[in-house]
């Protein structure tokens, strides 16, 4: 049985990954925009 805390941690890691990915993407757009 998978523990809820484990799932919660996985979700938080995924959110972190998405946020960092978006920030990186925005930076690339800004650099290309210049």
N, C-alpha and C. Protein backbone atom coordinates (compact mmCIF):
# COMPACT_ATOMS: atom_id res chain seq x y z
N UNK A 1 0.84 -1.21 0.00
CA UNK A 1 0.00 0.00 0.00
C UNK A 1 0.87 1.26 0.00
N UNK A 2 0.56 2.19 -0.88
CA UNK A 2 1.33 3.43 -0.98
C UNK A 2 0.82 4.41 0.08
N UNK A 3 1.75 5.02 0.78
CA UNK A 3 1.38 5.98 1.82
C UNK A 3 1.01 7.33 1.21
N UNK A 4 -0.05 7.96 1.74
CA UNK A 4 -0.47 9.28 1.24
C UNK A 4 0.65 10.32 1.26
N UNK A 5 1.51 10.26 2.28
CA UNK A 5 2.60 11.23 2.37
C UNK A 5 3.53 11.10 1.17
N UNK A 6 3.75 9.86 0.74
CA UNK A 6 4.63 9.62 -0.41
C UNK A 6 4.03 10.27 -1.66
N UNK A 7 2.73 10.09 -1.85
CA UNK A 7 2.04 10.68 -3.00
C UNK A 7 2.12 12.21 -2.92
N UNK A 8 1.89 12.73 -1.73
CA UNK A 8 1.94 14.19 -1.54
C UNK A 8 3.31 14.72 -1.92
N UNK A 9 4.36 14.00 -1.51
CA UNK A 9 5.72 14.42 -1.83
C UNK A 9 5.95 14.40 -3.33
N UNK A 10 5.45 13.36 -3.99
CA UNK A 10 5.60 13.25 -5.44
C UNK A 10 4.91 14.42 -6.14
N UNK A 11 3.71 14.78 -5.67
CA UNK A 11 2.95 15.89 -6.24
C UNK A 11 3.71 17.20 -6.05
N UNK A 12 4.27 17.39 -4.86
CA UNK A 12 5.04 18.62 -4.59
C UNK A 12 6.26 18.69 -5.50
N UNK A 13 6.93 17.54 -5.70
CA UNK A 13 8.10 17.51 -6.57
C UNK A 13 7.69 17.86 -8.00
N UNK A 14 6.54 17.35 -8.43
CA UNK A 14 6.06 17.63 -9.78
C UNK A 14 5.75 19.11 -9.94
N UNK A 15 5.10 19.70 -8.93
CA UNK A 15 4.78 21.13 -8.98
C UNK A 15 6.06 21.95 -9.04
N UNK A 16 7.05 21.58 -8.22
CA UNK A 16 8.35 22.28 -8.22
C UNK A 16 8.96 22.22 -9.62
N UNK A 17 8.93 21.02 -10.20
CA UNK A 17 9.51 20.79 -11.52
C UNK A 17 8.82 21.67 -12.57
N UNK A 18 7.49 21.72 -12.51
CA UNK A 18 6.73 22.53 -13.47
C UNK A 18 7.02 24.01 -13.29
N UNK A 19 7.08 24.47 -12.04
CA UNK A 19 7.35 25.89 -11.78
C UNK A 19 8.73 26.27 -12.29
N UNK A 20 9.73 25.43 -12.00
CA UNK A 20 11.10 25.71 -12.46
C UNK A 20 11.16 25.67 -13.98
N UNK A 21 10.44 24.72 -14.57
CA UNK A 21 10.41 24.61 -16.03
C UNK A 21 9.82 25.86 -16.66
N UNK A 22 8.73 26.36 -16.06
CA UNK A 22 8.09 27.57 -16.59
C UNK A 22 9.00 28.77 -16.47
N UNK A 23 9.70 28.89 -15.34
CA UNK A 23 10.62 30.02 -15.14
C UNK A 23 11.73 29.98 -16.18
N UNK A 24 12.26 28.78 -16.43
CA UNK A 24 13.32 28.61 -17.41
C UNK A 24 12.80 29.00 -18.80
N UNK A 25 11.58 28.57 -19.10
CA UNK A 25 10.94 28.85 -20.39
C UNK A 25 10.75 30.35 -20.57
N UNK A 26 10.28 31.03 -19.51
CA UNK A 26 10.07 32.48 -19.56
C UNK A 26 11.40 33.19 -19.79
N UNK A 27 12.45 32.73 -19.12
CA UNK A 27 13.76 33.35 -19.28
C UNK A 27 14.23 33.21 -20.73
N UNK A 28 14.01 32.05 -21.33
CA UNK A 28 14.43 31.83 -22.72
C UNK A 28 13.67 32.77 -23.65
N UNK A 29 12.37 32.96 -23.39
CA UNK A 29 11.56 33.87 -24.21
C UNK A 29 12.09 35.30 -24.08
N UNK A 30 12.41 35.70 -22.84
CA UNK A 30 12.93 37.05 -22.60
C UNK A 30 14.25 37.25 -23.34
N UNK A 31 15.13 36.26 -23.25
CA UNK A 31 16.45 36.36 -23.91
C UNK A 31 16.26 36.42 -25.42
N UNK A 32 15.36 35.60 -25.96
CA UNK A 32 15.10 35.59 -27.40
C UNK A 32 14.43 36.90 -27.82
N UNK A 33 13.60 37.44 -26.91
CA UNK A 33 12.92 38.71 -27.19
C UNK A 33 13.90 39.87 -27.33
N UNK A 34 15.00 39.79 -26.58
CA UNK A 34 16.03 40.83 -26.67
C UNK A 34 16.79 40.62 -27.97
